[in-house]
C-alpha atoms as a PDB file:
ATOM      1  CA  MET A   1      16.170  15.599 -53.932  1.00  0.00           C
ATOM      2  CA  HIS A   2      12.558  14.454 -55.180  1.00  0.00           C
ATOM      3  CA  ASN A   3      11.430  10.980 -54.405  1.00  0.00           C
ATOM      4  CA  ASP A   4      11.873   9.583 -57.823  1.00  0.00           C
ATOM      5  CA  GLU A   5      15.578  10.683 -57.538  1.00  0.00           C
ATOM      6  CA  LEU A   6      16.014   9.086 -54.099  1.00  0.00           C
ATOM      7  CA  ASN A   7      14.345   6.023 -55.366  1.00  0.00           C
ATOM      8  CA  LEU A   8      16.843   5.674 -58.307  1.00  0.00           C
ATOM      9  CA  ASN A   9      19.767   6.436 -56.190  1.00  0.00           C
ATOM     10  CA  ILE A  10      18.861   3.859 -53.563  1.00  0.00           C
ATOM     11  CA  LEU A  11      18.197   1.295 -56.340  1.00  0.00           C
ATOM     12  CA  ARG A  12      21.371   2.015 -58.093  1.00  0.00           C
ATOM     13  CA  ASN A  13      23.338   1.463 -54.709  1.00  0.00           C
ATOM     14  CA  ILE A  14      21.152  -1.274 -53.010  1.00  0.00           C
ATOM     15  CA  GLU A  15      23.260  -4.333 -53.571  1.00  0.00           C
ATOM     16  CA  SER A  16      26.250  -2.588 -52.292  1.00  0.00           C
ATOM     17  CA  LEU A  17      24.713  -1.055 -49.108  1.00  0.00           C
ATOM     18  CA  THR A  18      26.616  -1.667 -46.204  1.00  0.00           C
ATOM     19  CA  SER A  19      24.273   0.432 -43.902  1.00  0.00           C
ATOM     20  CA  GLN A  20      21.498   2.794 -44.080  1.00  0.00           C
ATOM     21  CA  LYS A  21      23.649   5.406 -42.148  1.00  0.00           C
ATOM     22  CA  ASN A  22      26.471   4.848 -44.745  1.00  0.00           C
ATOM     23  CA  LEU A  23      23.980   5.652 -47.611  1.00  0.00           C
ATOM     24  CA  ALA A  24      22.268   8.496 -46.002  1.00  0.00           C
ATOM     25  CA  ASN A  25      25.657  10.012 -45.472  1.00  0.00           C
ATOM     26  CA  GLU A  26      26.634   9.241 -49.224  1.00  0.00           C
ATOM     27  CA  ILE A  27      23.427  11.181 -50.636  1.00  0.00           C
ATOM     28  CA  THR A  28      23.035  13.603 -47.856  1.00  0.00           C
ATOM     29  CA  ILE A  29      19.736  12.731 -46.083  1.00  0.00           C
ATOM     30  CA  ARG A  30      18.589  11.545 -42.954  1.00  0.00           C
ATOM     31  CA  VAL A  31      18.586   7.840 -41.977  1.00  0.00           C
ATOM     32  CA  GLY A  32      15.057   7.799 -41.004  1.00  0.00           C
ATOM     33  CA  LYS A  33      14.365   9.076 -44.662  1.00  0.00           C
ATOM     34  CA  ILE A  34      16.417   6.210 -45.846  1.00  0.00           C
ATOM     35  CA  ASN A  35      14.615   3.783 -43.619  1.00  0.00           C
ATOM     36  CA  ASN A  36      11.059   4.982 -44.873  1.00  0.00           C
ATOM     37  CA  ILE A  37      12.200   4.701 -48.634  1.00  0.00           C
ATOM     38  CA  LEU A  38      13.528   1.149 -48.174  1.00  0.00           C
ATOM     39  CA  LYS A  39      10.382  -0.037 -46.644  1.00  0.00           C
ATOM     40  CA  LEU A  40       8.446   1.637 -49.277  1.00  0.00           C
ATOM     41  CA  LEU A  41      10.481  -0.084 -51.778  1.00  0.00           C
ATOM     42  CA  VAL A  42      10.194  -3.639 -50.108  1.00  0.00           C
ATOM     43  CA  GLU A  43       6.325  -3.065 -49.864  1.00  0.00           C
ATOM     44  CA  LYS A  44       6.351  -2.319 -53.781  1.00  0.00           C
ATOM     45  CA  ALA A  45       8.328  -5.375 -54.155  1.00  0.00           C
ATOM     46  CA  PHE A  46      11.172  -3.371 -55.955  1.00  0.00           C
ATOM     47  CA  ILE A  47      13.497  -5.034 -53.355  1.00  0.00           C
ATOM     48  CA  LYS A  48      13.573  -7.859 -50.813  1.00  0.00           C
ATOM     49  CA  THR A  49      15.558  -8.178 -47.544  1.00  0.00           C
ATOM     50  CA  GLU A  50      17.316 -11.064 -46.219  1.00  0.00           C
ATOM     51  CA  SER A  51      18.135 -11.172 -42.489  1.00  0.00           C
ATOM     52  CA  VAL A  52      22.154 -11.343 -41.861  1.00  0.00           C
ATOM     53  CA  PHE A  53      23.082 -12.048 -38.155  1.00  0.00           C
ATOM     54  CA  GLU A  54      26.512 -10.355 -37.557  1.00  0.00           C
ATOM     55  CA  ASN A  55      25.659  -9.178 -34.099  1.00  0.00           C
ATOM     56  CA  LYS A  56      23.161 -10.833 -31.451  1.00  0.00           C
ATOM     57  CA  ASN A  57      21.799  -7.641 -30.334  1.00  0.00           C
ATOM     58  CA  LYS A  58      21.101  -6.131 -33.597  1.00  0.00           C
ATOM     59  CA  ASN A  59      19.442  -7.308 -36.780  1.00  0.00           C
ATOM     60  CA  GLN A  60      20.928  -6.599 -40.078  1.00  0.00           C
ATOM     61  CA  TYR A  61      19.447  -6.740 -43.431  1.00  0.00           C
ATOM     62  CA  LYS A  62      20.842  -7.435 -46.899  1.00  0.00           C
ATOM     63  CA  TYR A  63      18.933  -5.690 -49.430  1.00  0.00           C
ATOM     64  CA  LEU A  64      18.460  -7.272 -52.888  1.00  0.00           C
ATOM     65  CA  LEU A  65      17.110  -5.764 -56.106  1.00  0.00           C
ATOM     66  CA  THR A  66      14.099  -7.668 -57.534  1.00  0.00           C
ATOM     67  CA  GLU A  67      13.239  -8.152 -61.225  1.00  0.00           C
ATOM     68  CA  GLY A  68      10.417  -5.321 -60.490  1.00  0.00           C
ATOM     69  CA  GLY A  69      13.063  -3.201 -58.891  1.00  0.00           C
ATOM     70  CA  ASN A  70      15.420  -3.529 -61.977  1.00  0.00           C
ATOM     71  CA  ASN A  71      12.620  -2.689 -64.235  1.00  0.00           C
ATOM     72  CA  GLU A  72      11.835   0.397 -62.236  1.00  0.00           C
ATOM     73  CA  LYS A  73      15.584   1.512 -62.033  1.00  0.00           C
ATOM     74  CA  VAL A  74      15.487   1.355 -66.056  1.00  0.00           C
ATOM     75  CA  LEU A  75      12.254   3.407 -65.977  1.00  0.00           C
ATOM     76  CA  LEU A  76      13.502   5.951 -63.633  1.00  0.00           C
ATOM     77  CA  ARG A  77      16.961   6.365 -65.701  1.00  0.00           C
ATOM     78  CA  LYS A  78      14.940   6.918 -68.895  1.00  0.00           C
ATOM     79  CA  TYR A  79      12.822   9.251 -67.221  1.00  0.00           C
ATOM     80  CA  PHE A  80      15.834  11.359 -65.819  1.00  0.00           C
ATOM     81  CA  ILE A  81      17.621  11.098 -69.056  1.00  0.00           C
ATOM     82  CA  LYS A  82      14.601  12.632 -70.720  1.00  0.00           C
ATOM     83  CA  ILE A  83      14.706  15.547 -68.153  1.00  0.00           C
ATOM     84  CA  LYS A  84      18.376  16.056 -68.667  1.00  0.00           C
ATOM     85  CA  LYS A  85      17.898  16.159 -72.268  1.00  0.00           C
ATOM     86  CA  THR A  86      15.473  18.878 -72.165  1.00  0.00           C
ATOM     87  CA  GLU A  87      17.321  20.936 -69.607  1.00  0.00           C
ATOM     88  CA  TYR A  88      20.373  20.695 -71.818  1.00  0.00           C
ATOM     89  CA  LYS A  89      18.415  22.031 -74.829  1.00  0.00           C
ATOM     90  CA  LEU A  90      17.100  24.761 -72.775  1.00  0.00           C
ATOM     91  CA  LEU A  91      20.492  25.837 -71.357  1.00  0.00           C
ATOM     92  CA  GLN A  92      22.304  25.255 -74.753  1.00  0.00           C
ATOM     93  CA  ALA A  93      19.622  27.819 -76.162  1.00  0.00           C
ATOM     94  CA  GLU A  94      20.197  30.257 -73.394  1.00  0.00           C
ATOM     95  CA  LEU A  95      23.959  30.119 -74.275  1.00  0.00           C
ATOM     96  CA  ASP A  96      23.500  30.595 -77.940  1.00  0.00           C
ATOM     97  CA  THR A  97      21.200  33.622 -77.247  1.00  0.00           C
ATOM     98  CA  TYR A  98      23.764  34.881 -75.093  1.00  0.00           C
ATOM     99  CA  ASN A  99      26.720  34.451 -77.259  1.00  0.00           C
ATOM    100  CA  MET A 100      24.626  36.037 -80.130  1.00  0.00           C
ATOM    101  CA  ASN A 101      24.008  39.249 -78.024  1.00  0.00           C
ATOM    102  CA  THR A 102      27.675  39.444 -76.813  1.00  0.00           C
ATOM    103  CA  GLU A 103      29.238  39.149 -80.468  1.00  0.00           C
END
């Protein structure tokens, strides 16, 4: 998975994020990678954190999407839609060529 794709997946799921481990399992990457991406998204001001203390011995954070993060999510969606449309056209052309050759 490319960084843009990971960023989009995280931005899409950020507000329902219960733990980094759950998200890592859901999108099948390491927890450390999730942690690094979250830090980067905070640095870019795409998300912000709020401290939530459910356990005295462990800091937990709630992640919130910022306006900049919402804008980035929209841009990434448009970018991936453009890529997918191009891929679709190429696959459709290949299929059409195949069908013409098998008739």
